[in-house]
Amino acid sequence: MNVSKKTRLRQAGWVVGDAAEFLNLTAEEAQFVEVKLALAAGLRQLRERRGMTQAALAERLGSSQSRVAKMEAADRSVTVDLMMRSLLAIGATPGEIAKLIRGVEAHRAA
């Protein structure tokens, strides 16, 4: 959210914060959530870039399409371990996975 919008909202009596503040997350918890979201978004992007459907990825994993949809939505029932195994199953390199995680640092610095 840009600075002028935050200022207008505060002047109107609104409290402006982020999800981590609202949920009272520690810095580590907030960073974990951001990493999980980055892995989920990366899974979807890489799957689409490789021309795979959710159903095709599910078949490769021995899972269901709805489970892949939950992975891509970073559902709380999905573990980071499963996301990592899924990324590797679609051919993501360790470098590509590291780039997804490094993107979290870049986003936090901005």
Protein backbone atom coordinates (compact mmCIF):
# COMPACT_ATOMS: atom_id res chain seq x y z
CA MET A 1 0.00 0.00 0.00
CA ASN A 2 1.42 3.39 -0.90
CA VAL A 3 2.28 5.97 1.73
CA SER A 4 -0.40 8.51 0.78
CA LYS A 5 -3.16 5.91 1.02
CA LYS A 6 -1.88 4.79 4.45
CA THR A 7 -1.85 8.40 5.60
CA ARG A 8 -5.43 9.00 4.39
CA LEU A 9 -6.66 5.84 6.10
CA ARG A 10 -4.96 6.73 9.38
CA GLN A 11 -6.39 10.25 9.24
CA ALA A 12 -9.84 8.72 8.78
CA GLY A 13 -9.34 6.69 11.97
CA TRP A 14 -8.35 3.35 10.47
CA VAL A 15 -5.56 1.22 11.87
CA VAL A 16 -3.15 0.23 9.12
CA GLY A 17 -0.97 -2.85 9.48
CA ASP A 18 -0.16 -6.12 7.87
CA ALA A 19 -1.34 -9.68 8.34
CA ALA A 20 1.56 -10.51 10.65
CA GLU A 21 0.60 -7.69 13.00
CA PHE A 22 -3.07 -8.62 12.87
CA LEU A 23 -2.31 -12.26 13.64
CA ASN A 24 0.34 -11.35 16.20
CA LEU A 25 2.97 -13.47 14.44
CA THR A 26 6.59 -13.50 15.49
CA ALA A 27 9.12 -12.41 12.88
CA GLU A 28 10.05 -16.06 12.32
CA GLU A 29 6.41 -17.12 11.86
CA ALA A 30 5.79 -14.29 9.41
CA GLN A 31 8.89 -15.20 7.43
CA PHE A 32 7.84 -18.88 7.34
CA VAL A 33 4.44 -17.88 5.94
CA GLU A 34 6.12 -15.75 3.28
CA VAL A 35 8.43 -18.61 2.28
CA LYS A 36 5.48 -21.00 2.05
CA LEU A 37 3.55 -18.51 -0.10
CA ALA A 38 6.59 -18.08 -2.38
CA LEU A 39 6.96 -21.84 -2.80
CA ALA A 40 3.25 -22.18 -3.57
CA ALA A 41 3.35 -19.42 -6.18
CA GLY A 42 6.53 -20.88 -7.64
CA LEU A 43 4.97 -24.32 -7.89
CA ARG A 44 2.08 -22.92 -9.90
CA GLN A 45 4.32 -20.83 -12.15
CA LEU A 46 6.71 -23.68 -12.88
CA ARG A 47 3.86 -26.15 -13.46
CA GLU A 48 2.20 -23.78 -15.92
CA ARG A 49 5.52 -22.97 -17.62
CA ARG A 50 6.04 -26.69 -18.19
CA GLY A 51 2.56 -26.99 -19.67
CA MET A 52 1.28 -29.29 -16.95
CA THR A 53 -2.22 -29.36 -15.54
CA GLN A 54 -2.89 -29.79 -11.84
CA ALA A 55 -4.24 -33.25 -12.68
CA ALA A 56 -1.02 -34.21 -14.50
CA LEU A 57 1.10 -33.06 -11.56
CA ALA A 58 -1.18 -34.93 -9.17
CA GLU A 59 -0.74 -38.11 -11.18
CA ARG A 60 3.04 -37.71 -11.14
CA LEU A 61 2.91 -37.29 -7.35
CA GLY A 62 0.42 -40.09 -6.78
CA SER A 63 -1.98 -37.55 -5.32
CA SER A 64 -5.17 -35.75 -6.31
CA GLN A 65 -5.85 -32.59 -8.31
CA SER A 66 -7.51 -31.02 -5.28
CA ARG A 67 -4.35 -31.61 -3.24
CA VAL A 68 -2.27 -29.84 -5.90
CA ALA A 69 -4.75 -26.95 -5.79
CA LYS A 70 -4.25 -26.79 -2.02
CA MET A 71 -0.47 -26.76 -2.51
CA GLU A 72 -0.73 -23.87 -4.95
CA ALA A 73 -2.96 -22.00 -2.48
CA ALA A 74 -0.48 -22.60 0.36
CA ASP A 75 -3.24 -24.28 2.36
CA ARG A 76 -2.31 -24.78 5.99
CA SER A 77 -2.72 -28.55 5.61
CA VAL A 78 0.13 -28.66 3.07
CA THR A 79 3.64 -29.08 4.42
CA VAL A 80 6.69 -27.33 3.06
CA ASP A 81 8.16 -30.81 2.60
CA LEU A 82 5.35 -31.72 0.18
CA MET A 83 5.81 -28.45 -1.72
CA MET A 84 9.54 -29.09 -2.05
CA ARG A 85 8.98 -32.66 -3.26
CA SER A 86 6.41 -31.37 -5.75
CA LEU A 87 8.76 -28.71 -7.08
CA LEU A 88 11.46 -31.33 -7.55
CA ALA A 89 8.95 -33.69 -9.21
CA ILE A 90 8.22 -31.12 -11.92
CA GLY A 91 11.91 -30.68 -12.55
CA ALA A 92 12.69 -27.57 -10.52
CA THR A 93 16.38 -27.24 -9.86
CA PRO A 94 17.75 -26.39 -6.44
CA GLY A 95 18.76 -23.05 -7.96
CA GLU A 96 15.19 -22.31 -9.04
CA ILE A 97 13.90 -23.19 -5.58
CA ALA A 98 16.56 -21.00 -3.98
CA LYS A 99 15.53 -18.15 -6.27
CA LEU A 100 11.94 -18.46 -5.04
CA ILE A 101 13.11 -18.24 -1.44
CA ARG A 102 15.52 -15.38 -2.17
CA GLY A 103 12.57 -13.52 -3.64
CA VAL A 104 11.09 -13.38 -0.14
CA GLU A 105 14.15 -11.50 1.10
CA ALA A 106 13.93 -9.06 -1.80
CA HIS A 107 10.23 -8.50 -1.13
CA ARG A 108 10.85 -7.87 2.59
CA ALA A 109 13.62 -5.38 1.80
CA ALA A 110 11.36 -3.38 -0.54
